[in-house]
């Protein structure tokens, strides 16, 4: 199942073919919100078939997996999840399996606000 509208999916595929070149989209972008160890950015290629809002939450330090996080990073992650885990912020918190991620080498989560 493709979670993007046709136009969005085409834009995403074009990005993967022409611009991506394996660069880290999290290390190269500015965050909308920056905590001490984590950043939040709007997804450039949202799952717009299901989501009216789609953000990405990621560690500012480049890490591949949860196992690489420091205790401080884990504590801040848990704080964010607990404080922002309300319906007025987002409906879904998604961690894709590594083989399905386009950005495989930087841990990240998808925060989705669904259409009502």
N, C-alpha and C. Protein backbone atom coordinates (compact mmCIF):
# COMPACT_ATOMS: atom_id res chain seq x y z
N UNK A 1 0.83 -1.17 0.00
CA UNK A 1 0.00 0.00 0.00
C UNK A 1 0.89 1.25 0.00
N UNK A 2 0.63 2.14 -0.88
CA UNK A 2 1.37 3.40 -0.95
C UNK A 2 0.61 4.43 -0.13
N UNK A 3 1.31 5.08 0.77
CA UNK A 3 0.68 6.02 1.68
C UNK A 3 0.71 7.46 1.18
N UNK A 4 1.31 7.67 0.03
CA UNK A 4 1.36 9.01 -0.55
C UNK A 4 0.41 9.10 -1.75
N UNK A 5 -0.13 10.30 -1.96
CA UNK A 5 -0.90 10.57 -3.17
C UNK A 5 0.04 10.43 -4.36
N UNK A 6 -0.52 10.24 -5.54
CA UNK A 6 0.28 9.99 -6.74
C UNK A 6 1.35 11.07 -6.95
N UNK A 7 0.96 12.33 -6.89
CA UNK A 7 1.90 13.43 -7.11
C UNK A 7 3.02 13.44 -6.07
N UNK A 8 2.66 13.20 -4.83
CA UNK A 8 3.66 13.16 -3.75
C UNK A 8 4.61 11.99 -3.93
N UNK A 9 4.09 10.85 -4.32
CA UNK A 9 4.93 9.67 -4.54
C UNK A 9 5.89 9.91 -5.70
N UNK A 10 5.42 10.55 -6.76
CA UNK A 10 6.30 10.86 -7.90
C UNK A 10 7.42 11.82 -7.46
N UNK A 11 7.08 12.81 -6.67
CA UNK A 11 8.07 13.75 -6.16
C UNK A 11 9.11 13.01 -5.31
N UNK A 12 8.64 12.10 -4.48
CA UNK A 12 9.52 11.31 -3.62
C UNK A 12 10.45 10.43 -4.45
N UNK A 13 9.91 9.74 -5.43
CA UNK A 13 10.73 8.87 -6.29
C UNK A 13 11.75 9.69 -7.07
N UNK A 14 11.36 10.86 -7.53
CA UNK A 14 12.29 11.74 -8.24
C UNK A 14 13.43 12.14 -7.31
N UNK A 15 13.10 12.49 -6.07
CA UNK A 15 14.12 12.83 -5.09
C UNK A 15 15.10 11.68 -4.90
N UNK A 16 14.58 10.47 -4.74
CA UNK A 16 15.45 9.31 -4.53
C UNK A 16 16.39 9.09 -5.72
N UNK A 17 15.91 9.30 -6.92
CA UNK A 17 16.72 9.06 -8.12
C UNK A 17 17.70 10.19 -8.41
N UNK A 18 17.29 11.44 -8.18
CA UNK A 18 18.08 12.58 -8.64
C UNK A 18 18.82 13.35 -7.56
N UNK A 19 18.33 13.35 -6.34
CA UNK A 19 18.91 14.22 -5.33
C UNK A 19 19.48 13.50 -4.12
N UNK A 20 18.96 12.36 -3.80
CA UNK A 20 19.27 11.69 -2.54
C UNK A 20 20.75 11.32 -2.41
N UNK A 21 21.26 10.53 -3.30
CA UNK A 21 22.68 10.12 -3.32
C UNK A 21 23.21 9.65 -1.97
N UNK A 22 22.36 9.08 -1.14
CA UNK A 22 22.79 8.54 0.14
C UNK A 22 23.04 9.56 1.24
N UNK A 23 22.81 10.85 0.97
CA UNK A 23 23.04 11.86 2.00
C UNK A 23 21.98 11.75 3.09
N UNK A 24 22.33 12.16 4.26
CA UNK A 24 21.41 12.09 5.39
C UNK A 24 20.49 13.31 5.39
N UNK A 25 19.21 13.08 5.24
CA UNK A 25 18.25 14.18 5.21
C UNK A 25 18.06 14.82 6.58
N UNK A 26 18.47 14.14 7.63
CA UNK A 26 18.32 14.70 8.97
C UNK A 26 19.52 15.57 9.36
N UNK A 27 20.68 15.16 8.95
CA UNK A 27 21.88 15.93 9.28
C UNK A 27 21.98 17.21 8.45
N UNK A 28 21.33 17.22 7.28
CA UNK A 28 21.41 18.37 6.37
C UNK A 28 20.29 19.37 6.55
N UNK A 29 19.31 19.10 7.38
CA UNK A 29 18.13 19.98 7.49
C UNK A 29 18.06 20.66 8.85
N UNK A 30 17.39 21.77 8.86
CA UNK A 30 17.13 22.47 10.11
C UNK A 30 15.82 21.95 10.70
N UNK A 31 15.77 21.90 12.01
CA UNK A 31 14.60 21.42 12.71
C UNK A 31 13.59 22.53 12.94
N UNK A 32 12.32 22.16 12.99
CA UNK A 32 11.27 23.09 13.42
C UNK A 32 11.35 23.29 14.92
N UNK A 33 11.68 22.20 15.61
CA UNK A 33 11.79 22.20 17.06
C UNK A 33 13.07 21.44 17.39
N UNK A 34 13.89 22.02 18.24
CA UNK A 34 15.11 21.34 18.65
C UNK A 34 15.13 21.25 20.16
N UNK A 35 15.24 20.02 20.64
CA UNK A 35 15.45 19.77 22.06
C UNK A 35 16.96 19.66 22.26
N UNK A 36 17.40 19.21 23.39
CA UNK A 36 18.84 19.08 23.61
C UNK A 36 19.45 18.02 22.70
N UNK A 37 18.74 16.90 22.54
CA UNK A 37 19.29 15.77 21.78
C UNK A 37 18.45 15.36 20.57
N UNK A 38 17.28 15.95 20.39
CA UNK A 38 16.36 15.51 19.35
C UNK A 38 15.85 16.70 18.54
N UNK A 39 15.46 16.42 17.31
CA UNK A 39 14.88 17.44 16.46
C UNK A 39 13.56 16.96 15.88
N UNK A 40 12.74 17.91 15.46
CA UNK A 40 11.46 17.62 14.83
C UNK A 40 11.40 18.43 13.55
N UNK A 41 11.08 17.77 12.44
CA UNK A 41 10.96 18.47 11.17
C UNK A 41 9.73 17.97 10.43
N UNK A 42 9.19 18.82 9.60
CA UNK A 42 8.07 18.43 8.76
C UNK A 42 8.60 17.48 7.69
N UNK A 43 7.86 16.43 7.42
CA UNK A 43 8.28 15.47 6.40
C UNK A 43 8.09 16.10 5.02
N UNK A 44 9.16 16.13 4.24
CA UNK A 44 9.10 16.68 2.88
C UNK A 44 8.26 15.81 1.95
N UNK A 45 8.09 14.55 2.32
CA UNK A 45 7.33 13.59 1.50
C UNK A 45 6.32 12.88 2.39
N UNK A 46 5.29 13.60 2.84
CA UNK A 46 4.35 13.05 3.82
C UNK A 46 3.48 11.92 3.28
N UNK A 47 2.95 11.14 4.19
CA UNK A 47 1.98 10.10 3.86
C UNK A 47 0.62 10.78 3.71
N UNK A 48 0.48 11.57 2.65
CA UNK A 48 -0.67 12.45 2.52
C UNK A 48 -1.98 11.76 2.15
N UNK A 49 -1.94 10.47 1.89
CA UNK A 49 -3.21 9.75 1.69
C UNK A 49 -3.93 9.54 3.01
N UNK A 50 -3.16 9.50 4.10
CA UNK A 50 -3.76 9.25 5.41
C UNK A 50 -3.54 10.38 6.40
N UNK A 51 -2.53 11.22 6.15
CA UNK A 51 -2.13 12.19 7.17
C UNK A 51 -2.38 13.63 6.73
N UNK A 52 -2.98 14.40 7.64
CA UNK A 52 -3.09 15.83 7.37
C UNK A 52 -1.84 16.54 7.86
N UNK A 53 -1.11 15.93 8.78
CA UNK A 53 0.18 16.44 9.24
C UNK A 53 1.12 15.25 9.40
N UNK A 54 2.40 15.46 9.04
CA UNK A 54 3.37 14.37 9.13
C UNK A 54 4.74 14.96 9.46
N UNK A 55 5.23 14.63 10.65
CA UNK A 55 6.51 15.13 11.12
C UNK A 55 7.46 13.97 11.37
N UNK A 56 8.75 14.28 11.40
CA UNK A 56 9.78 13.29 11.69
C UNK A 56 10.52 13.75 12.95
N UNK A 57 10.70 12.83 13.88
CA UNK A 57 11.38 13.08 15.14
C UNK A 57 12.65 12.26 15.11
N UNK A 58 13.80 12.88 15.34
CA UNK A 58 15.07 12.19 15.13
C UNK A 58 16.14 12.72 16.08
N UNK A 59 17.12 11.87 16.42
CA UNK A 59 18.22 12.35 17.24
C UNK A 59 19.10 13.29 16.43
N UNK A 60 19.58 14.35 17.07
CA UNK A 60 20.46 15.30 16.39
C UNK A 60 21.80 14.66 16.07
N UNK A 61 22.20 13.72 16.91
CA UNK A 61 23.43 12.96 16.67
C UNK A 61 23.11 11.85 15.68
N UNK A 62 23.97 11.63 14.73
CA UNK A 62 23.73 10.63 13.69
C UNK A 62 23.94 9.22 14.27
N UNK A 63 22.84 8.50 14.49
CA UNK A 63 22.88 7.11 14.97
C UNK A 63 21.94 6.26 14.13
N UNK A 64 22.31 5.00 13.96
CA UNK A 64 21.51 4.08 13.16
C UNK A 64 20.35 3.45 13.95
N UNK A 65 20.62 3.11 15.20
CA UNK A 65 19.64 2.32 15.96
C UNK A 65 19.43 2.88 17.36
N UNK A 66 18.36 2.43 17.96
CA UNK A 66 18.02 2.78 19.34
C UNK A 66 19.13 2.36 20.30
N UNK A 67 19.80 1.25 20.00
CA UNK A 67 20.86 0.73 20.87
C UNK A 67 22.06 1.67 20.98
N UNK A 68 22.20 2.59 20.04
CA UNK A 68 23.34 3.52 20.04
C UNK A 68 23.07 4.78 20.84
N UNK A 69 21.85 4.96 21.32
CA UNK A 69 21.51 6.18 22.07
C UNK A 69 22.15 6.17 23.45
N UNK A 70 22.50 7.36 23.93
CA UNK A 70 22.99 7.50 25.29
C UNK A 70 21.78 7.50 26.23
N UNK A 71 22.03 7.38 27.51
CA UNK A 71 20.95 7.41 28.49
C UNK A 71 20.22 8.76 28.44
N UNK A 72 20.96 9.86 28.26
CA UNK A 72 20.32 11.18 28.16
C UNK A 72 19.41 11.26 26.94
N UNK A 73 19.84 10.71 25.82
CA UNK A 73 19.02 10.72 24.61
C UNK A 73 17.76 9.89 24.79
N UNK A 74 17.88 8.76 25.45
CA UNK A 74 16.72 7.90 25.72
C UNK A 74 15.75 8.61 26.66
N UNK A 75 16.27 9.25 27.69
CA UNK A 75 15.40 9.96 28.64
C UNK A 75 14.64 11.09 27.94
N UNK A 76 15.31 11.81 27.05
CA UNK A 76 14.63 12.89 26.34
C UNK A 76 13.60 12.33 25.36
N UNK A 77 13.91 11.22 24.72
CA UNK A 77 12.96 10.55 23.84
C UNK A 77 11.71 10.16 24.62
N UNK A 78 11.90 9.53 25.75
CA UNK A 78 10.76 9.11 26.58
C UNK A 78 9.96 10.32 27.07
N UNK A 79 10.63 11.39 27.45
CA UNK A 79 9.94 12.60 27.87
C UNK A 79 9.07 13.14 26.74
N UNK A 80 9.65 13.22 25.54
CA UNK A 80 8.90 13.72 24.38
C UNK A 80 7.70 12.83 24.10
N UNK A 81 7.91 11.52 24.08
CA UNK A 81 6.80 10.60 23.80
C UNK A 81 5.69 10.73 24.83
N UNK A 82 6.05 10.87 26.09
CA UNK A 82 5.04 10.97 27.15
C UNK A 82 4.33 12.32 27.14
N UNK A 83 5.07 13.39 26.94
CA UNK A 83 4.48 14.72 26.96
C UNK A 83 3.64 15.01 25.72
N UNK A 84 4.06 14.49 24.58
CA UNK A 84 3.38 14.80 23.33
C UNK A 84 2.44 13.69 22.88
N UNK A 85 2.28 12.67 23.67
CA UNK A 85 1.41 11.55 23.30
C UNK A 85 -0.02 11.87 23.71
N UNK A 86 -0.54 12.90 23.05
CA UNK A 86 -1.93 13.31 23.26
C UNK A 86 -2.55 13.52 21.90
N UNK A 87 -3.85 13.32 21.82
CA UNK A 87 -4.56 13.42 20.55
C UNK A 87 -4.42 14.78 19.88
N UNK A 88 -4.21 15.83 20.66
CA UNK A 88 -4.09 17.15 20.04
C UNK A 88 -2.74 17.35 19.36
N UNK A 89 -1.78 16.47 19.59
CA UNK A 89 -0.48 16.58 18.93
C UNK A 89 -0.36 15.62 17.74
N UNK A 90 -0.60 14.35 17.97
CA UNK A 90 -0.53 13.39 16.88
C UNK A 90 -1.34 12.15 17.22
N UNK A 91 -1.70 11.40 16.17
CA UNK A 91 -2.50 10.19 16.35
C UNK A 91 -1.66 8.91 16.31
N UNK A 92 -0.55 8.97 15.59
CA UNK A 92 0.27 7.77 15.42
C UNK A 92 1.75 8.11 15.59
N UNK A 93 2.48 7.17 16.18
CA UNK A 93 3.94 7.25 16.33
C UNK A 93 4.44 6.00 15.62
N UNK A 94 5.16 6.18 14.52
CA UNK A 94 5.57 5.04 13.69
C UNK A 94 7.08 4.96 13.61
N UNK A 95 7.59 3.75 13.79
CA UNK A 95 8.99 3.46 13.49
C UNK A 95 8.97 2.40 12.40
N UNK A 96 9.39 2.77 11.21
CA UNK A 96 9.40 1.82 10.10
C UNK A 96 10.48 0.78 10.31
N UNK A 97 10.27 -0.41 9.75
CA UNK A 97 11.33 -1.40 9.78
C UNK A 97 12.49 -0.88 8.93
N UNK A 98 13.70 -1.21 9.31
CA UNK A 98 14.88 -0.66 8.65
C UNK A 98 14.88 -0.90 7.16
N UNK A 99 14.45 -2.06 6.71
CA UNK A 99 14.48 -2.34 5.26
C UNK A 99 13.46 -1.54 4.48
N UNK A 100 12.49 -0.92 5.13
CA UNK A 100 11.48 -0.10 4.45
C UNK A 100 11.81 1.38 4.48
N UNK A 101 12.83 1.77 5.24
CA UNK A 101 13.17 3.18 5.36
C UNK A 101 14.01 3.63 4.18
N UNK A 102 13.74 4.83 3.69
CA UNK A 102 14.62 5.40 2.68
C UNK A 102 15.87 5.95 3.35
N UNK A 103 15.74 6.39 4.60
CA UNK A 103 16.88 6.90 5.37
C UNK A 103 17.22 5.85 6.42
N UNK A 104 17.98 4.84 5.99
CA UNK A 104 18.26 3.69 6.84
C UNK A 104 19.28 3.95 7.94
N UNK A 105 20.10 4.96 7.79
CA UNK A 105 21.22 5.14 8.70
C UNK A 105 21.09 6.31 9.66
N UNK A 106 19.85 6.73 9.89
CA UNK A 106 19.61 7.74 10.93
C UNK A 106 18.27 7.39 11.55
N UNK A 107 18.32 6.98 12.79
CA UNK A 107 17.12 6.63 13.54
C UNK A 107 16.10 7.76 13.46
N UNK A 108 14.84 7.42 13.24
CA UNK A 108 13.79 8.44 13.22
C UNK A 108 12.43 7.81 13.41
N UNK A 109 11.49 8.65 13.81
CA UNK A 109 10.11 8.25 14.03
C UNK A 109 9.19 9.16 13.24
N UNK A 110 8.05 8.63 12.85
CA UNK A 110 7.05 9.41 12.12
C UNK A 110 5.93 9.76 13.09
N UNK A 111 5.59 11.03 13.17
CA UNK A 111 4.46 11.50 13.97
C UNK A 111 3.38 11.93 12.99
N UNK A 112 2.23 11.28 13.08
CA UNK A 112 1.16 11.45 12.10
C UNK A 112 -0.10 11.97 12.78
N UNK A 113 -0.67 12.98 12.18
CA UNK A 113 -2.01 13.45 12.56
C UNK A 113 -2.93 13.05 11.41
N UNK A 114 -3.86 12.14 11.66
CA UNK A 114 -4.73 11.60 10.63
C UNK A 114 -5.84 12.57 10.24
N UNK A 115 -6.36 12.38 9.04
CA UNK A 115 -7.56 13.12 8.65
C UNK A 115 -8.69 12.65 9.54
N UNK A 116 -9.59 13.55 9.84
CA UNK A 116 -10.73 13.17 10.69
C UNK A 116 -11.89 12.69 9.86
